[in-house]
Structures are given as C-alpha cells and as structure tokens.
Amino acid sequence: MNKNRCPWAKDPLDIEYHDNEWGRETHNDQMLFEYLILEGMQAGLSWSLILKKRENFKRAFDNFDYSICANYTDEYLESLRQDASIIRNKLKIYSVRKNAVAFLKVQKEFGSFDKYIWSFTDYKKINNKLESYKDAPSETELSIKISKDMKKRGFSFVGSTIIYSYMQAIGMINDHEKGCFCYRECC
C-alpha cells in the first residue's frame, strides 16, 4: 500500500529517515548530538548525501559518543580529513570536537542537553500544519534565538538555518505536510 508522505522523501534512505526519524520527538542526548553533527555536516550539501554517509560518520566519530569526541586530538581530526567516506571539510570535522566540548558543558549546566534544547519551546512541539513542505521557512525567530545562544556557548555550525533543520529533525517542529501519514503521528 502506498503511503502519502512529504514529497522530498524519494529514495529508499530518505523514505526510511522520513518515515521513522524526521519530526519524531528525540530526547536521548546521544541522538541529539548525532543529529547536531549531521546537520552541521549537511550545510551546503544534500541531506541524501549525509544519509548515505551516516554509517561512515558513526564509525569516524565513535558512534557520536560526545565524551569521546570531546577528547579527539588534532592528529586524529587531521587523519579524518583523508577519509573519503565522510565529508572532509576541515572546519566541519573540527566542529565535532568543539561541539562535543560545548555539549558536555551544557549537560553539566542543565542536567542534559535535552533539557536545554527543549526549554526553548517549553518542552512542547510546534506544529506548523503545512499544506505544502515548500511553505516551511528556512529559519524563524526561534531558530535565530537558539543559534545565537548556542554560538555564545561555543558551538559551531549552528547557524539559524541549520538549527531550524535540527529542530525539524528532533521533532521540536512538525513540518510534515498535513497530508503526510507522519503528520498525525508527529503531532
């Protein structure tokens, strides 16, 4: 049986991600860190490419264990720049360590990254009730506010557009089209 889904989900990896992850509330700190890193890696690239390389990122970044990532040496990060199976952009690779360090500081201050990030919406999901995915903004006042706060805390690759995509990914925002079968599941 064919399911109505958001039109951007076309190839099998996109469909799998759309149907089982995108827009679903995420409260696990390790998954929140993984999505943060993947969204940063995606900047200027297609999400499909990131999904294709996801397993390679998991291998390279120790399954997104932020405690390990925070202690990466420059030598290790430089070695990743030779790994053609991931995105080899120096700033993006080095941002993994920088973001892990900032992530740990946020955890210490708030008890968890989850408490920190979801506090921006008073721990509630925003349902945009989109008729068409094309109506989704690329940034909002809220994503700008979160981006500024995260940058102040030492995070990088967290511009307002990346943060809006991050909010979609972790389910803070439901931007599934109203006709998509996931829309009601993610409300």
Foldseek 3Di string as FASTA:
>chain_A
DDFDWAPVQDDPLSCCLRVPFFQAADQDQQVLQLLLLLLLQCVVHDNVLSSQLVVVCCVLCVNSPLVVLLPDDPVSLQVVLVVPSGDNDSVSSNLSNQVSVLQVVVCVVQVHVSRVVCVLVPVAAAEPQAQHLVPDDLFDPSLQVVLVVSVVSRHPSSHRSSSVSSCRRNNSYPSIHPRGPCSVVSD
